[in-house]
Amino acid sequence: MIRHAALLVLPLSLAACNVERDAGNDTTAISINDQKVEGTVDQAGNLLESAAGEVKQAADEAAPAIKDAASDVGNAANRAGDKIEAGAEGAARGVREESRDNPAPANKQ
């Protein structure tokens, strides 16, 4: 939207210019219509304000989805951590049982 506003300002600004060519005197006069310039600036300001409103609305609408996604990622990380912890505890229990009740075989050389 901002790009569109920028693209509109230039042609509208040029429309505010009046060019008069006097071939008899070989002169060119350029004048600017202040009211058209003000109107152009007002239109560009309105477009930018509208674009800002659209960006704010999009951000407001996206915020809950981002929050939910972050929560989902956090929950998944917690579940993965729990599984890793359970696996590590099981492995440690296996090592303790092997060393206490069933010693590892002696290293024969």
PDB file of N, CA and C in Angstrom:
ATOM      1  N   MET A   1       0.823  -1.187   0.000  1.00  0.00           N
ATOM      2  CA  MET A   1       0.000   0.000   0.000  1.00  0.00           C
ATOM      3  C   MET A   1       0.867   1.251   0.000  1.00  0.00           C
ATOM      4  N   ILE A   2       1.951   1.233   0.771  1.00  0.00           N
ATOM      5  CA  ILE A   2       2.832   2.401   0.829  1.00  0.00           C
ATOM      6  C   ILE A   2       3.461   2.641  -0.538  1.00  0.00           C
ATOM      7  N   ARG A   3       3.829   1.561  -1.220  1.00  0.00           N
ATOM      8  CA  ARG A   3       4.424   1.690  -2.551  1.00  0.00           C
ATOM      9  C   ARG A   3       3.423   2.346  -3.497  1.00  0.00           C
ATOM     10  N   HIS A   4       2.145   1.966  -3.365  1.00  0.00           N
ATOM     11  CA  HIS A   4       1.115   2.544  -4.219  1.00  0.00           C
ATOM     12  C   HIS A   4       0.981   4.039  -3.950  1.00  0.00           C
ATOM     13  N   ALA A   5       1.069   4.414  -2.690  1.00  0.00           N
ATOM     14  CA  ALA A   5       0.978   5.833  -2.349  1.00  0.00           C
ATOM     15  C   ALA A   5       2.130   6.602  -2.979  1.00  0.00           C
ATOM     16  N   ALA A   6       3.325   6.031  -2.901  1.00  0.00           N
ATOM     17  CA  ALA A   6       4.498   6.694  -3.479  1.00  0.00           C
ATOM     18  C   ALA A   6       4.353   6.804  -4.993  1.00  0.00           C
ATOM     19  N   LEU A   7       3.791   5.781  -5.615  1.00  0.00           N
ATOM     20  CA  LEU A   7       3.618   5.810  -7.060  1.00  0.00           C
ATOM     21  C   LEU A   7       2.563   6.821  -7.494  1.00  0.00           C
ATOM     22  N   LEU A   8       1.610   7.096  -6.625  1.00  0.00           N
ATOM     23  CA  LEU A   8       0.565   8.060  -6.960  1.00  0.00           C
ATOM     24  C   LEU A   8       1.016   9.498  -6.769  1.00  0.00           C
ATOM     25  N   VAL A   9       1.908   9.737  -5.832  1.00  0.00           N
ATOM     26  CA  VAL A   9       2.315  11.105  -5.512  1.00  0.00           C
ATOM     27  C   VAL A   9       2.976  11.778  -6.710  1.00  0.00           C
ATOM     28  N   LEU A  10       3.862  11.081  -7.396  1.00  0.00           N
ATOM     29  CA  LEU A  10       4.590  11.705  -8.508  1.00  0.00           C
ATOM     30  C   LEU A  10       3.656  12.140  -9.631  1.00  0.00           C
ATOM     31  N   PRO A  11       2.806  11.263 -10.166  1.00  0.00           N
ATOM     32  CA  PRO A  11       1.928  11.732 -11.252  1.00  0.00           C
ATOM     33  C   PRO A  11       0.954  12.813 -10.793  1.00  0.00           C
ATOM     34  N   LEU A  12       0.459  12.686  -9.560  1.00  0.00           N
ATOM     35  CA  LEU A  12      -0.459  13.711  -9.071  1.00  0.00           C
ATOM     36  C   LEU A  12       0.271  15.042  -8.887  1.00  0.00           C
ATOM     37  N   SER A  13       1.523  14.984  -8.467  1.00  0.00           N
ATOM     38  CA  SER A  13       2.315  16.210  -8.331  1.00  0.00           C
ATOM     39  C   SER A  13       2.563  16.845  -9.687  1.00  0.00           C
ATOM     40  N   LEU A  14       2.830  16.019 -10.675  1.00  0.00           N
ATOM     41  CA  LEU A  14       3.048  16.554 -12.022  1.00  0.00           C
ATOM     42  C   LEU A  14       1.771  17.184 -12.566  1.00  0.00           C
ATOM     43  N   ALA A  15       0.630  16.629 -12.166  1.00  0.00           N
ATOM     44  CA  ALA A  15      -0.644  17.188 -12.615  1.00  0.00           C
ATOM     45  C   ALA A  15      -0.854  18.591 -12.043  1.00  0.00           C
ATOM     46  N   ALA A  16      -0.181  18.912 -10.959  1.00  0.00           N
ATOM     47  CA  ALA A  16      -0.306  20.235 -10.346  1.00  0.00           C
ATOM     48  C   ALA A  16       0.537  21.278 -11.075  1.00  0.00           C
ATOM     49  N   CYS A  17       1.360  20.842 -12.000  1.00  0.00           N
ATOM     50  CA  CYS A  17       2.219  21.770 -12.746  1.00  0.00           C
ATOM     51  C   CYS A  17       1.520  22.205 -14.039  1.00  0.00           C
ATOM     52  N   ASN A  18       1.641  23.478 -14.326  1.00  0.00           N
ATOM     53  CA  ASN A  18       1.132  24.016 -15.586  1.00  0.00           C
ATOM     54  C   ASN A  18       2.330  24.489 -16.407  1.00  0.00           C
ATOM     55  N   VAL A  19       2.417  24.026 -17.632  1.00  0.00           N
ATOM     56  CA  VAL A  19       3.518  24.410 -18.511  1.00  0.00           C
ATOM     57  C   VAL A  19       2.927  25.152 -19.701  1.00  0.00           C
ATOM     58  N   GLU A  20       3.436  26.353 -19.928  1.00  0.00           N
ATOM     59  CA  GLU A  20       2.980  27.153 -21.061  1.00  0.00           C
ATOM     60  C   GLU A  20       4.176  27.488 -21.939  1.00  0.00           C
ATOM     61  N   ARG A  21       4.055  27.156 -23.203  1.00  0.00           N
ATOM     62  CA  ARG A  21       5.143  27.402 -24.158  1.00  0.00           C
ATOM     63  C   ARG A  21       4.719  28.539 -25.088  1.00  0.00           C
ATOM     64  N   ASP A  22       5.556  29.556 -25.154  1.00  0.00           N
ATOM     65  CA  ASP A  22       5.310  30.681 -26.064  1.00  0.00           C
ATOM     66  C   ASP A  22       6.336  30.592 -27.184  1.00  0.00           C
ATOM     67  N   ALA A  23       5.900  30.033 -28.297  1.00  0.00           N
ATOM     68  CA  ALA A  23       6.816  29.828 -29.427  1.00  0.00           C
ATOM     69  C   ALA A  23       7.310  31.151 -30.003  1.00  0.00           C
ATOM     70  N   GLY A  24       6.472  32.196 -29.939  1.00  0.00           N
ATOM     71  CA  GLY A  24       6.865  33.503 -30.485  1.00  0.00           C
ATOM     72  C   GLY A  24       8.042  34.096 -29.729  1.00  0.00           C
ATOM     73  N   ASN A  25       8.077  33.944 -28.432  1.00  0.00           N
ATOM     74  CA  ASN A  25       9.168  34.482 -27.618  1.00  0.00           C
ATOM     75  C   ASN A  25      10.213  33.413 -27.303  1.00  0.00           C
ATOM     76  N   ASP A  26       9.946  32.179 -27.720  1.00  0.00           N
ATOM     77  CA  ASP A  26      10.824  31.038 -27.439  1.00  0.00           C
ATOM     78  C   ASP A  26      11.062  30.899 -25.925  1.00  0.00           C
ATOM     79  N   THR A  27       9.942  30.959 -25.172  1.00  0.00           N
ATOM     80  CA  THR A  27      10.028  30.819 -23.716  1.00  0.00           C
ATOM     81  C   THR A  27       9.042  29.745 -23.245  1.00  0.00           C
ATOM     82  N   THR A  28       9.352  29.233 -22.098  1.00  0.00           N
ATOM     83  CA  THR A  28       8.469  28.260 -21.446  1.00  0.00           C
ATOM     84  C   THR A  28       8.256  28.714 -20.007  1.00  0.00           C
ATOM     85  N   ALA A  29       7.004  28.751 -19.592  1.00  0.00           N
ATOM     86  CA  ALA A  29       6.674  29.144 -18.218  1.00  0.00           C
ATOM     87  C   ALA A  29       6.077  27.938 -17.500  1.00  0.00           C
ATOM     88  N   ILE A  30       6.575  27.697 -16.307  1.00  0.00           N
ATOM     89  CA  ILE A  30       6.061  26.601 -15.485  1.00  0.00           C
ATOM     90  C   ILE A  30       5.490  27.209 -14.211  1.00  0.00           C
ATOM     91  N   SER A  31       4.267  26.852 -13.902  1.00  0.00           N
ATOM     92  CA  SER A  31       3.653  27.318 -12.654  1.00  0.00           C
ATOM     93  C   SER A  31       3.069  26.111 -11.916  1.00  0.00           C
ATOM     94  N   ILE A  32       2.935  26.277 -10.629  1.00  0.00           N
ATOM     95  CA  ILE A  32       2.439  25.191  -9.799  1.00  0.00           C
ATOM     96  C   ILE A  32       1.139  25.632  -9.141  1.00  0.00           C
ATOM     97  N   ASN A  33       0.137  24.758  -9.223  1.00  0.00           N
ATOM     98  CA  ASN A  33      -1.147  25.013  -8.593  1.00  0.00           C
ATOM     99  C   ASN A  33      -1.056  24.510  -7.149  1.00  0.00           C
ATOM    100  N   ASP A  34      -0.967  25.444  -6.211  1.00  0.00           N
ATOM    101  CA  ASP A  34      -0.798  25.093  -4.799  1.00  0.00           C
ATOM    102  C   ASP A  34      -1.935  24.227  -4.272  1.00  0.00           C
ATOM    103  N   GLN A  35      -3.142  24.487  -4.731  1.00  0.00           N
ATOM    104  CA  GLN A  35      -4.287  23.709  -4.266  1.00  0.00           C
ATOM    105  C   GLN A  35      -4.167  22.247  -4.706  1.00  0.00           C
ATOM    106  N   LYS A  36      -3.698  22.027  -5.923  1.00  0.00           N
ATOM    107  CA  LYS A  36      -3.504  20.652  -6.397  1.00  0.00           C
ATOM    108  C   LYS A  36      -2.398  19.957  -5.608  1.00  0.00           C
ATOM    109  N   VAL A  37      -1.348  20.702  -5.281  1.00  0.00           N
ATOM    110  CA  VAL A  37      -0.254  20.126  -4.490  1.00  0.00           C
ATOM    111  C   VAL A  37      -0.767  19.738  -3.111  1.00  0.00           C
ATOM    112  N   GLU A  38      -1.513  20.620  -2.473  1.00  0.00           N
ATOM    113  CA  GLU A  38      -2.064  20.309  -1.158  1.00  0.00           C
ATOM    114  C   GLU A  38      -2.995  19.106  -1.230  1.00  0.00           C
ATOM    115  N   GLY A  39      -3.807  19.060  -2.280  1.00  0.00           N
ATOM    116  CA  GLY A  39      -4.710  17.917  -2.461  1.00  0.00           C
ATOM    117  C   GLY A  39      -3.940  16.617  -2.633  1.00  0.00           C
ATOM    118  N   THR A  40      -2.840  16.687  -3.373  1.00  0.00           N
ATOM    119  CA  THR A  40      -2.003  15.514  -3.586  1.00  0.00           C
ATOM    120  C   THR A  40      -1.374  15.047  -2.279  1.00  0.00           C
ATOM    121  N   VAL A  41      -0.875  15.987  -1.511  1.00  0.00           N
ATOM    122  CA  VAL A  41      -0.268  15.650  -0.223  1.00  0.00           C
ATOM    123  C   VAL A  41      -1.320  15.043   0.708  1.00  0.00           C
ATOM    124  N   ASP A  42      -2.514  15.624   0.701  1.00  0.00           N
ATOM    125  CA  ASP A  42      -3.598  15.080   1.529  1.00  0.00           C
ATOM    126  C   ASP A  42      -3.945  13.655   1.101  1.00  0.00           C
ATOM    127  N   GLN A  43      -4.033  13.419  -0.201  1.00  0.00           N
ATOM    128  CA  GLN A  43      -4.350  12.076  -0.695  1.00  0.00           C
ATOM    129  C   GLN A  43      -3.264  11.081  -0.292  1.00  0.00           C
ATOM    130  N   ALA A  44      -2.014  11.492  -0.442  1.00  0.00           N
ATOM    131  CA  ALA A  44      -0.908  10.602  -0.066  1.00  0.00           C
ATOM    132  C   ALA A  44      -0.950  10.324   1.433  1.00  0.00           C
ATOM    133  N   GLY A  45      -1.224  11.350   2.233  1.00  0.00           N
ATOM    134  CA  GLY A  45      -1.331  11.163   3.682  1.00  0.00           C
ATOM    135  C   GLY A  45      -2.452  10.206   4.037  1.00  0.00           C
ATOM    136  N   ASN A  46      -3.581  10.340   3.365  1.00  0.00           N
ATOM    137  CA  ASN A  46      -4.709   9.442   3.617  1.00  0.00           C
ATOM    138  C   ASN A  46      -4.354   8.006   3.249  1.00  0.00           C
ATOM    139  N   LEU A  47      -3.657   7.836   2.125  1.00  0.00           N
ATOM    140  CA  LEU A  47      -3.250   6.494   1.716  1.00  0.00           C
ATOM    141  C   LEU A  47      -2.280   5.876   2.728  1.00  0.00           C
ATOM    142  N   LEU A  48      -1.340   6.678   3.198  1.00  0.00           N
ATOM    143  CA  LEU A  48      -0.380   6.176   4.187  1.00  0.00           C
ATOM    144  C   LEU A  48      -1.070   5.846   5.505  1.00  0.00           C
ATOM    145  N   GLU A  49      -2.008   6.679   5.902  1.00  0.00           N
ATOM    146  CA  GLU A  49      -2.760   6.406   7.130  1.00  0.00           C
ATOM    147  C   GLU A  49      -3.563   5.120   6.992  1.00  0.00           C
ATOM    148  N   SER A  50      -4.167   4.928   5.852  1.00  0.00           N
ATOM    149  CA  SER A  50      -4.925   3.706   5.595  1.00  0.00           C
ATOM    150  C   SER A  50      -4.009   2.490   5.609  1.00  0.00           C
ATOM    151  N   ALA A  51      -2.843   2.624   4.996  1.00  0.00           N
ATOM    152  CA  ALA A  51      -1.879   1.518   4.976  1.00  0.00           C
ATOM    153  C   ALA A  51      -1.424   1.186   6.390  1.00  0.00           C
ATOM    154  N   ALA A  52      -1.176   2.204   7.196  1.00  0.00           N
ATOM    155  CA  ALA A  52      -0.761   1.968   8.580  1.00  0.00           C
ATOM    156  C   ALA A  52      -1.859   1.241   9.342  1.00  0.00           C
ATOM    157  N   GLY A  53      -3.103   1.615   9.097  1.00  0.00           N
ATOM    158  CA  GLY A  53      -4.226   0.932   9.734  1.00  0.00           C
ATOM    159  C   GLY A  53      -4.299  -0.531   9.325  1.00  0.00           C
ATOM    160  N   GLU A  54      -4.041  -0.802   8.042  1.00  0.00           N
ATOM    161  CA  GLU A  54      -4.065  -2.182   7.561  1.00  0.00           C
ATOM    162  C   GLU A  54      -2.936  -2.998   8.184  1.00  0.00           C
ATOM    163  N   VAL A  55      -1.772  -2.399   8.322  1.00  0.00           N
ATOM    164  CA  VAL A  55      -0.640  -3.095   8.938  1.00  0.00           C
ATOM    165  C   VAL A  55      -0.950  -3.391  10.409  1.00  0.00           C
ATOM    166  N   LYS A  56      -1.509  -2.421  11.101  1.00  0.00           N
ATOM    167  CA  LYS A  56      -1.869  -2.623  12.507  1.00  0.00           C
ATOM    168  C   LYS A  56      -2.907  -3.733  12.641  1.00  0.00           C
ATOM    169  N   GLN A  57      -3.902  -3.711  11.781  1.00  0.00           N
ATOM    170  CA  GLN A  57      -4.948  -4.735  11.836  1.00  0.00           C
ATOM    171  C   GLN A  57      -4.355  -6.123  11.571  1.00  0.00           C
ATOM    172  N   ALA A  58      -3.477  -6.224  10.591  1.00  0.00           N
ATOM    173  CA  ALA A  58      -2.842  -7.511  10.287  1.00  0.00           C
ATOM    174  C   ALA A  58      -2.014  -7.995  11.477  1.00  0.00           C
ATOM    175  N   ALA A  59      -1.302  -7.082  12.114  1.00  0.00           N
ATOM    176  CA  ALA A  59      -0.490  -7.449  13.282  1.00  0.00           C
ATOM    177  C   ALA A  59      -1.385  -7.889  14.434  1.00  0.00           C
ATOM    178  N   ASP A  60      -2.481  -7.165  14.642  1.00  0.00           N
ATOM    179  CA  ASP A  60      -3.419  -7.533  15.710  1.00  0.00           C
ATOM    180  C   ASP A  60      -4.015  -8.912  15.464  1.00  0.00           C
ATOM    181  N   GLU A  61      -4.326  -9.210  14.209  1.00  0.00           N
ATOM    182  CA  GLU A  61      -4.910 -10.507  13.874  1.00  0.00           C
ATOM    183  C   GLU A  61      -3.877 -11.625  13.959  1.00  0.00           C
ATOM    184  N   ALA A  62      -2.620 -11.317  13.674  1.00  0.00           N
ATOM    185  CA  ALA A  62      -1.566 -12.336  13.691  1.00  0.00           C
ATOM    186  C   ALA A  62      -1.089 -12.648  15.104  1.00  0.00           C
ATOM    187  N   ALA A  63      -1.202 -11.696  16.010  1.00  0.00           N
ATOM    188  CA  ALA A  63      -0.649 -11.869  17.358  1.00  0.00           C
ATOM    189  C   ALA A  63      -1.172 -13.115  18.076  1.00  0.00           C
ATOM    190  N   PRO A  64      -2.483 -13.379  18.096  1.00  0.00           N
ATOM    191  CA  PRO A  64      -2.947 -14.590  18.792  1.00  0.00           C
ATOM    192  C   PRO A  64      -2.407 -15.878  18.156  1.00  0.00           C
ATOM    193  N   ALA A  65      -2.323 -15.906  16.833  1.00  0.00           N
ATOM    194  CA  ALA A  65      -1.813 -17.104  16.160  1.00  0.00           C
ATOM    195  C   ALA A  65      -0.338 -17.315  16.499  1.00  0.00           C
ATOM    196  N   ILE A  66       0.420 -16.241  16.558  1.00  0.00           N
ATOM    197  CA  ILE A  66       1.842 -16.352  16.915  1.00  0.00           C
ATOM    198  C   ILE A  66       1.989 -16.818  18.355  1.00  0.00           C
ATOM    199  N   LYS A  67       1.146 -16.284  19.238  1.00  0.00           N
ATOM    200  CA  LYS A  67       1.189 -16.682  20.641  1.00  0.00           C
ATOM    201  C   LYS A  67       0.854 -18.165  20.773  1.00  0.00           C
ATOM    202  N   ASP A  68      -0.182 -18.619  20.059  1.00  0.00           N
ATOM    203  CA  ASP A  68      -0.563 -20.036  20.105  1.00  0.00           C
ATOM    204  C   ASP A  68       0.558 -20.923  19.563  1.00  0.00           C
ATOM    205  N   ALA A  69       1.173 -20.499  18.474  1.00  0.00           N
ATOM    206  CA  ALA A  69       2.265 -21.280  17.888  1.00  0.00           C
ATOM    207  C   ALA A  69       3.443 -21.368  18.850  1.00  0.00           C
ATOM    208  N   ALA A  70       3.755 -20.264  19.511  1.00  0.00           N
ATOM    209  CA  ALA A  70       4.857 -20.271  20.482  1.00  0.00           C
ATOM    210  C   ALA A  70       4.535 -21.210  21.639  1.00  0.00           C
ATOM    211  N   SER A  71       3.289 -21.200  22.069  1.00  0.00           N
ATOM    212  CA  SER A  71       2.869 -22.101  23.145  1.00  0.00           C
ATOM    213  C   SER A  71       2.986 -23.554  22.708  1.00  0.00           C
ATOM    214  N   ASP A  72       2.567 -23.839  21.469  1.00  0.00           N
ATOM    215  CA  ASP A  72       2.664 -25.206  20.935  1.00  0.00           C
ATOM    216  C   ASP A  72       4.118 -25.670  20.879  1.00  0.00           C
ATOM    217  N   VAL A  73       5.011 -24.781  20.442  1.00  0.00           N
ATOM    218  CA  VAL A  73       6.435 -25.127  20.372  1.00  0.00           C
ATOM    219  C   VAL A  73       6.979 -25.388  21.780  1.00  0.00           C
ATOM    220  N   GLY A  74       6.595 -24.547  22.731  1.00  0.00           N
ATOM    221  CA  GLY A  74       7.036 -24.735  24.117  1.00  0.00           C
ATOM    222  C   GLY A  74       6.539 -26.051  24.686  1.00  0.00           C
ATOM    223  N   ASN A  75       5.283 -26.386  24.417  1.00  0.00           N
ATOM    224  CA  ASN A  75       4.736 -27.663  24.895  1.00  0.00           C
ATOM    225  C   ASN A  75       5.451 -28.847  24.263  1.00  0.00           C
ATOM    226  N   ALA A  76       5.729 -28.759  22.967  1.00  0.00           N
ATOM    227  CA  ALA A  76       6.442 -29.836  22.280  1.00  0.00           C
ATOM    228  C   ALA A  76       7.851 -29.992  22.853  1.00  0.00           C
ATOM    229  N   ALA A  77       8.506 -28.882  23.151  1.00  0.00           N
ATOM    230  CA  ALA A  77       9.847 -28.939  23.738  1.00  0.00           C
ATOM    231  C   ALA A  77       9.799 -29.583  25.114  1.00  0.00           C
ATOM    232  N   ASN A  78       8.778 -29.265  25.894  1.00  0.00           N
ATOM    233  CA  ASN A  78       8.628 -29.891  27.215  1.00  0.00           C
ATOM    234  C   ASN A  78       8.419 -31.398  27.097  1.00  0.00           C
ATOM    235  N   ARG A  79       7.575 -31.809  26.159  1.00  0.00           N
ATOM    236  CA  ARG A  79       7.334 -33.250  25.967  1.00  0.00           C
ATOM    237  C   ARG A  79       8.607 -33.958  25.520  1.00  0.00           C
ATOM    238  N   ALA A  80       9.359 -33.327  24.618  1.00  0.00           N
ATOM    239  CA  ALA A  80      10.611 -33.925  24.151  1.00  0.00           C
ATOM    240  C   ALA A  80      11.602 -34.029  25.309  1.00  0.00           C
ATOM    241  N   GLY A  81      11.663 -32.991  26.125  1.00  0.00           N
ATOM    242  CA  GLY A  81      12.554 -33.027  27.288  1.00  0.00           C
ATOM    243  C   GLY A  81      12.165 -34.130  28.251  1.00  0.00           C
ATOM    244  N   ASP A  82      10.862 -34.307  28.463  1.00  0.00           N
ATOM    245  CA  ASP A  82      10.393 -35.381  29.349  1.00  0.00           C
ATOM    246  C   ASP A  82      10.797 -36.752  28.809  1.00  0.00           C
ATOM    247  N   LYS A  83      10.666 -36.942  27.492  1.00  0.00           N
ATOM    248  CA  LYS A  83      11.036 -38.228  26.885  1.00  0.00           C
ATOM    249  C   LYS A  83      12.541 -38.476  26.994  1.00  0.00           C
ATOM    250  N   ILE A  84      13.319 -37.441  26.775  1.00  0.00           N
ATOM    251  CA  ILE A  84      14.774 -37.590  26.883  1.00  0.00           C
ATOM    252  C   ILE A  84      15.156 -37.920  28.326  1.00  0.00           C
ATOM    253  N   GLU A  85      14.531 -37.226  29.263  1.00  0.00           N
ATOM    254  CA  GLU A  85      14.813 -37.476  30.674  1.00  0.00           C
ATOM    255  C   GLU A  85      14.424 -38.906  31.056  1.00  0.00           C
ATOM    256  N   ALA A  86      13.263 -39.371  30.595  1.00  0.00           N
ATOM    257  CA  ALA A  86      12.830 -40.737  30.904  1.00  0.00           C
ATOM    258  C   ALA A  86      13.790 -41.755  30.296  1.00  0.00           C
ATOM    259  N   GLY A  87      14.248 -41.492  29.074  1.00  0.00           N
ATOM    260  CA  GLY A  87      15.205 -42.396  28.430  1.00  0.00           C
ATOM    261  C   GLY A  87      16.527 -42.435  29.177  1.00  0.00           C
ATOM    262  N   ALA A  88      16.985 -41.284  29.621  1.00  0.00           N
ATOM    263  CA  ALA A  88      18.246 -41.226  30.368  1.00  0.00           C
ATOM    264  C   ALA A  88      18.112 -41.946  31.700  1.00  0.00           C
ATOM    265  N   GLU A  89      16.971 -41.786  32.361  1.00  0.00           N
ATOM    266  CA  GLU A  89      16.756 -42.482  33.635  1.00  0.00           C
ATOM    267  C   GLU A  89      16.717 -43.995  33.419  1.00  0.00           C
ATOM    268  N   GLY A  90      16.064 -44.420  32.345  1.00  0.00           N
ATOM    269  CA  GLY A  90      16.023 -45.858  32.038  1.00  0.00           C
ATOM    270  C   GLY A  90      17.412 -46.409  31.754  1.00  0.00           C
ATOM    271  N   ALA A  91      18.215 -45.664  31.019  1.00  0.00           N
ATOM    272  CA  ALA A  91      19.574 -46.113  30.721  1.00  0.00           C
ATOM    273  C   ALA A  91      20.409 -46.180  31.991  1.00  0.00           C
ATOM    274  N   ALA A  92      20.265 -45.181  32.858  1.00  0.00           N
ATOM    275  CA  ALA A  92      21.021 -45.178  34.115  1.00  0.00           C
ATOM    276  C   ALA A  92      20.581 -46.344  34.998  1.00  0.00           C
ATOM    277  N   ARG A  93      19.288 -46.629  35.023  1.00  0.00           N
ATOM    278  CA  ARG A  93      18.785 -47.753  35.812  1.00  0.00           C
ATOM    279  C   ARG A  93      19.377 -49.061  35.286  1.00  0.00           C
ATOM    280  N   GLY A  94      19.446 -49.181  33.963  1.00  0.00           N
ATOM    281  CA  GLY A  94      20.033 -50.378  33.369  1.00  0.00           C
ATOM    282  C   GLY A  94      21.490 -50.546  33.742  1.00  0.00           C
ATOM    283  N   VAL A  95      22.230 -49.456  33.762  1.00  0.00           N
ATOM    284  CA  VAL A  95      23.646 -49.514  34.135  1.00  0.00           C
ATOM    285  C   VAL A  95      23.775 -49.906  35.602  1.00  0.00           C
ATOM    286  N   ARG A  96      22.956 -49.336  36.486  1.00  0.00           N
ATOM    287  CA  ARG A  96      23.006 -49.683  37.910  1.00  0.00           C
ATOM    288  C   ARG A  96      22.667 -51.156  38.122  1.00  0.00           C
ATOM    289  N   GLU A  97      21.661 -51.655  37.438  1.00  0.00           N
ATOM    290  CA  GLU A  97      21.260 -53.052  37.597  1.00  0.00           C
ATOM    291  C   GLU A  97      22.358 -53.981  37.103  1.00  0.00           C
ATOM    292  N   GLU A  98      22.990 -53.600  36.004  1.00  0.00           N
ATOM    293  CA  GLU A  98      24.049 -54.442  35.459  1.00  0.00           C
ATOM    294  C   GLU A  98      25.232 -54.493  36.406  1.00  0.00           C
ATOM    295  N   SER A  99      25.585 -53.383  36.993  1.00  0.00           N
ATOM    296  CA  SER A  99      26.763 -53.359  37.851  1.00  0.00           C
ATOM    297  C   SER A  99      26.490 -53.971  39.225  1.00  0.00           C
ATOM    298  N   ARG A 100      25.271 -53.944  39.690  1.00  0.00           N
ATOM    299  CA  ARG A 100      24.968 -54.463  41.011  1.00  0.00           C
ATOM    300  C   ARG A 100      24.595 -55.950  40.960  1.00  0.00           C
ATOM    301  N   ASP A 101      23.634 -56.288  40.120  1.00  0.00           N
ATOM    302  CA  ASP A 101      23.101 -57.642  40.108  1.00  0.00           C
ATOM    303  C   ASP A 101      23.788 -58.539  39.073  1.00  0.00           C
ATOM    304  N   ASN A 102      24.325 -57.958  38.077  1.00  0.00           N
ATOM    305  CA  ASN A 102      24.909 -58.742  36.982  1.00  0.00           C
ATOM    306  C   ASN A 102      26.151 -58.020  36.497  1.00  0.00           C
ATOM    307  N   PRO A 103      27.252 -58.167  37.159  1.00  0.00           N
ATOM    308  CA  PRO A 103      28.459 -57.420  36.761  1.00  0.00           C
ATOM    309  C   PRO A 103      28.836 -57.705  35.309  1.00  0.00           C
ATOM    310  N   ALA A 104      29.418 -56.713  34.731  1.00  0.00           N
ATOM    311  CA  ALA A 104      29.882 -56.864  33.353  1.00  0.00           C
ATOM    312  C   ALA A 104      30.972 -57.915  33.322  1.00  0.00           C
ATOM    313  N   PRO A 105      31.045 -58.655  32.203  1.00  0.00           N
ATOM    314  CA  PRO A 105      32.082 -59.688  32.112  1.00  0.00           C
ATOM    315  C   PRO A 105      33.488 -59.077  32.221  1.00  0.00           C
ATOM    316  N   ALA A 106      34.382 -59.857  32.813  1.00  0.00           N
ATOM    317  CA  ALA A 106      35.776 -59.403  32.970  1.00  0.00           C
ATOM    318  C   ALA A 106      36.410 -59.266  31.600  1.00  0.00           C
ATOM    319  N   ASN A 107      37.282 -58.315  31.513  1.00  0.00           N
ATOM    320  CA  ASN A 107      37.991 -58.069  30.255  1.00  0.00           C
ATOM    321  C   ASN A 107      39.105 -59.073  30.131  1.00  0.00           C
ATOM    322  N   LYS A 108      38.962 -59.987  29.162  1.00  0.00           N
ATOM    323  CA  LYS A 108      39.987 -61.019  28.959  1.00  0.00           C
ATOM    324  C   LYS A 108      40.930 -60.585  27.859  1.00  0.00           C
ATOM    325  N   GLN A 109      42.236 -60.717  28.147  1.00  0.00           N
ATOM    326  CA  GLN A 109      43.218 -60.331  27.143  1.00  0.00           C
ATOM    327  C   GLN A 109      44.022 -61.489  26.703  1.00  0.00           C
TER     328      GLN A 109
END
